[in-house]
Amino acid sequence: MNIENIFKALSCRWRIEIVKQIAGQDVCICDLEAMNHLDRTTISRHISVLLSAGIIDFQKDGQRKRLLLRDKRIIDLIEIAEKICEEVR
């Protein structure tokens, strides 16, 4: 995990939304499809970027792969960036 990969992975609003959704509840890829109204290929591509950046991981639970944050402080980072953007407007 390095800072460039984290910020690059979070440069897409869909990936930011996915990270927030993972932080808030127990989800799998099929749940994210329904929540975001995106197809499996698109969700899988975003998940791949987040996995490669080290932001998320998964845990097998039978047939299901549960997605989880590797470090919950990533949410703090997102919230700080959102606050900065609001204050600049």
C-alpha atoms as a PDB file:
ATOM      1  CA  MET A   1       0.000   0.000   0.000  1.00  0.00           C
ATOM      2  CA  ASN A   2       1.313   3.445  -0.880  1.00  0.00           C
ATOM      3  CA  ILE A   3      -0.169   6.912  -0.894  1.00  0.00           C
ATOM      4  CA  GLU A   4      -0.174   7.299  -4.681  1.00  0.00           C
ATOM      5  CA  ASN A   5      -2.184   4.105  -5.152  1.00  0.00           C
ATOM      6  CA  ILE A   6      -4.639   5.080  -2.424  1.00  0.00           C
ATOM      7  CA  PHE A   7      -5.375   8.473  -3.950  1.00  0.00           C
ATOM      8  CA  LYS A   8      -5.484   7.049  -7.465  1.00  0.00           C
ATOM      9  CA  ALA A   9      -7.985   4.390  -6.358  1.00  0.00           C
ATOM     10  CA  LEU A  10     -10.106   7.034  -4.619  1.00  0.00           C
ATOM     11  CA  SER A  11     -10.099   9.334  -7.649  1.00  0.00           C
ATOM     12  CA  CYS A  12     -13.383   7.801  -8.845  1.00  0.00           C
ATOM     13  CA  ARG A  13     -16.675   8.715  -7.162  1.00  0.00           C
ATOM     14  CA  TRP A  14     -17.981   5.156  -7.596  1.00  0.00           C
ATOM     15  CA  ARG A  15     -15.019   3.716  -5.727  1.00  0.00           C
ATOM     16  CA  ILE A  16     -15.444   6.257  -2.938  1.00  0.00           C
ATOM     17  CA  GLU A  17     -19.096   5.242  -2.672  1.00  0.00           C
ATOM     18  CA  ILE A  18     -18.163   1.542  -2.642  1.00  0.00           C
ATOM     19  CA  VAL A  19     -15.640   2.120   0.159  1.00  0.00           C
ATOM     20  CA  LYS A  20     -18.305   3.928   2.204  1.00  0.00           C
ATOM     21  CA  GLN A  21     -20.773   1.102   1.618  1.00  0.00           C
ATOM     22  CA  ILE A  22     -18.245  -1.530   2.647  1.00  0.00           C
ATOM     23  CA  ALA A  23     -17.442   0.443   5.814  1.00  0.00           C
ATOM     24  CA  GLY A  24     -21.079   0.684   6.773  1.00  0.00           C
ATOM     25  CA  GLN A  25     -22.151  -2.937   6.474  1.00  0.00           C
ATOM     26  CA  ASP A  26     -21.386  -6.521   5.566  1.00  0.00           C
ATOM     27  CA  VAL A  27     -21.478  -6.614   1.752  1.00  0.00           C
ATOM     28  CA  CYS A  28     -20.503  -8.790  -1.165  1.00  0.00           C
ATOM     29  CA  ILE A  29     -20.176  -7.894  -4.845  1.00  0.00           C
ATOM     30  CA  CYS A  30     -23.795  -8.815  -5.595  1.00  0.00           C
ATOM     31  CA  ASP A  31     -24.954  -6.398  -2.861  1.00  0.00           C
ATOM     32  CA  LEU A  32     -22.902  -3.597  -4.420  1.00  0.00           C
ATOM     33  CA  GLU A  33     -24.491  -4.247  -7.813  1.00  0.00           C
ATOM     34  CA  ALA A  34     -27.937  -3.679  -6.346  1.00  0.00           C
ATOM     35  CA  MET A  35     -26.932  -0.677  -4.215  1.00  0.00           C
ATOM     36  CA  ASN A  36     -25.239   1.169  -7.064  1.00  0.00           C
ATOM     37  CA  HIS A  37     -27.283  -0.062 -10.037  1.00  0.00           C
ATOM     38  CA  LEU A  38     -24.096  -1.077 -11.836  1.00  0.00           C
ATOM     39  CA  ASP A  39     -23.396  -4.317 -13.673  1.00  0.00           C
ATOM     40  CA  ARG A  40     -21.116  -7.015 -12.242  1.00  0.00           C
ATOM     41  CA  THR A  41     -18.294  -6.221 -14.688  1.00  0.00           C
ATOM     42  CA  THR A  42     -18.179  -2.571 -13.648  1.00  0.00           C
ATOM     43  CA  ILE A  43     -18.349  -3.385  -9.929  1.00  0.00           C
ATOM     44  CA  SER A  44     -15.653  -6.050 -10.340  1.00  0.00           C
ATOM     45  CA  ARG A  45     -13.363  -3.568 -12.095  1.00  0.00           C
ATOM     46  CA  HIS A  46     -13.772  -1.054  -9.243  1.00  0.00           C
ATOM     47  CA  ILE A  47     -13.236  -3.771  -6.630  1.00  0.00           C
ATOM     48  CA  SER A  48     -10.062  -4.853  -8.441  1.00  0.00           C
ATOM     49  CA  VAL A  49      -8.641  -1.320  -8.254  1.00  0.00           C
ATOM     50  CA  LEU A  50      -9.480  -1.062  -4.539  1.00  0.00           C
ATOM     51  CA  LEU A  51      -7.943  -4.488  -3.858  1.00  0.00           C
ATOM     52  CA  SER A  52      -4.763  -3.592  -5.772  1.00  0.00           C
ATOM     53  CA  ALA A  53      -4.439  -0.345  -3.806  1.00  0.00           C
ATOM     54  CA  GLY A  54      -4.723  -2.280  -0.542  1.00  0.00           C
ATOM     55  CA  ILE A  55      -7.827  -0.398   0.551  1.00  0.00           C
ATOM     56  CA  ILE A  56     -10.110  -3.412   0.754  1.00  0.00           C
ATOM     57  CA  ASP A  57      -9.808  -7.135   1.204  1.00  0.00           C
ATOM     58  CA  PHE A  58     -12.242 -10.004   1.129  1.00  0.00           C
ATOM     59  CA  GLN A  59     -13.046 -12.881   3.389  1.00  0.00           C
ATOM     60  CA  LYS A  60     -14.616 -16.095   2.131  1.00  0.00           C
ATOM     61  CA  ASP A  61     -17.813 -17.026   3.905  1.00  0.00           C
ATOM     62  CA  GLY A  62     -18.964 -20.245   2.244  1.00  0.00           C
ATOM     63  CA  GLN A  63     -19.840 -19.376  -1.354  1.00  0.00           C
ATOM     64  CA  ARG A  64     -19.875 -15.684  -0.551  1.00  0.00           C
ATOM     65  CA  LYS A  65     -16.911 -13.290  -0.546  1.00  0.00           C
ATOM     66  CA  ARG A  66     -17.451 -10.592   2.070  1.00  0.00           C
ATOM     67  CA  LEU A  67     -15.696  -7.316   1.311  1.00  0.00           C
ATOM     68  CA  LEU A  68     -14.063  -5.386   4.130  1.00  0.00           C
ATOM     69  CA  LEU A  69     -11.803  -2.410   4.675  1.00  0.00           C
ATOM     70  CA  ARG A  70      -8.205  -3.211   5.518  1.00  0.00           C
ATOM     71  CA  ASP A  71      -8.002  -0.029   7.598  1.00  0.00           C
ATOM     72  CA  LYS A  72     -11.096   1.872   8.680  1.00  0.00           C
ATOM     73  CA  ARG A  73      -9.110   5.121   8.802  1.00  0.00           C
ATOM     74  CA  ILE A  74      -9.616   5.343   5.030  1.00  0.00           C
ATOM     75  CA  ILE A  75     -13.102   6.641   5.868  1.00  0.00           C
ATOM     76  CA  ASP A  76     -11.508   9.441   7.922  1.00  0.00           C
ATOM     77  CA  LEU A  77      -9.376  10.334   4.906  1.00  0.00           C
ATOM     78  CA  ILE A  78     -12.449  10.488   2.653  1.00  0.00           C
ATOM     79  CA  GLU A  79     -14.388  12.579   5.185  1.00  0.00           C
ATOM     80  CA  ILE A  80     -11.501  15.036   5.570  1.00  0.00           C
ATOM     81  CA  ALA A  81     -11.226  15.428   1.787  1.00  0.00           C
ATOM     82  CA  GLU A  82     -14.996  15.949   1.497  1.00  0.00           C
ATOM     83  CA  LYS A  83     -14.893  18.587   4.234  1.00  0.00           C
ATOM     84  CA  ILE A  84     -12.034  20.418   2.504  1.00  0.00           C
ATOM     85  CA  CYS A  85     -14.010  20.420  -0.750  1.00  0.00           C
ATOM     86  CA  GLU A  86     -17.106  21.817   0.992  1.00  0.00           C
ATOM     87  CA  GLU A  87     -15.110  24.588   2.629  1.00  0.00           C
ATOM     88  CA  VAL A  88     -13.451  25.609  -0.624  1.00  0.00           C
ATOM     89  CA  ARG A  89     -16.756  26.027  -2.466  1.00  0.00           C
END
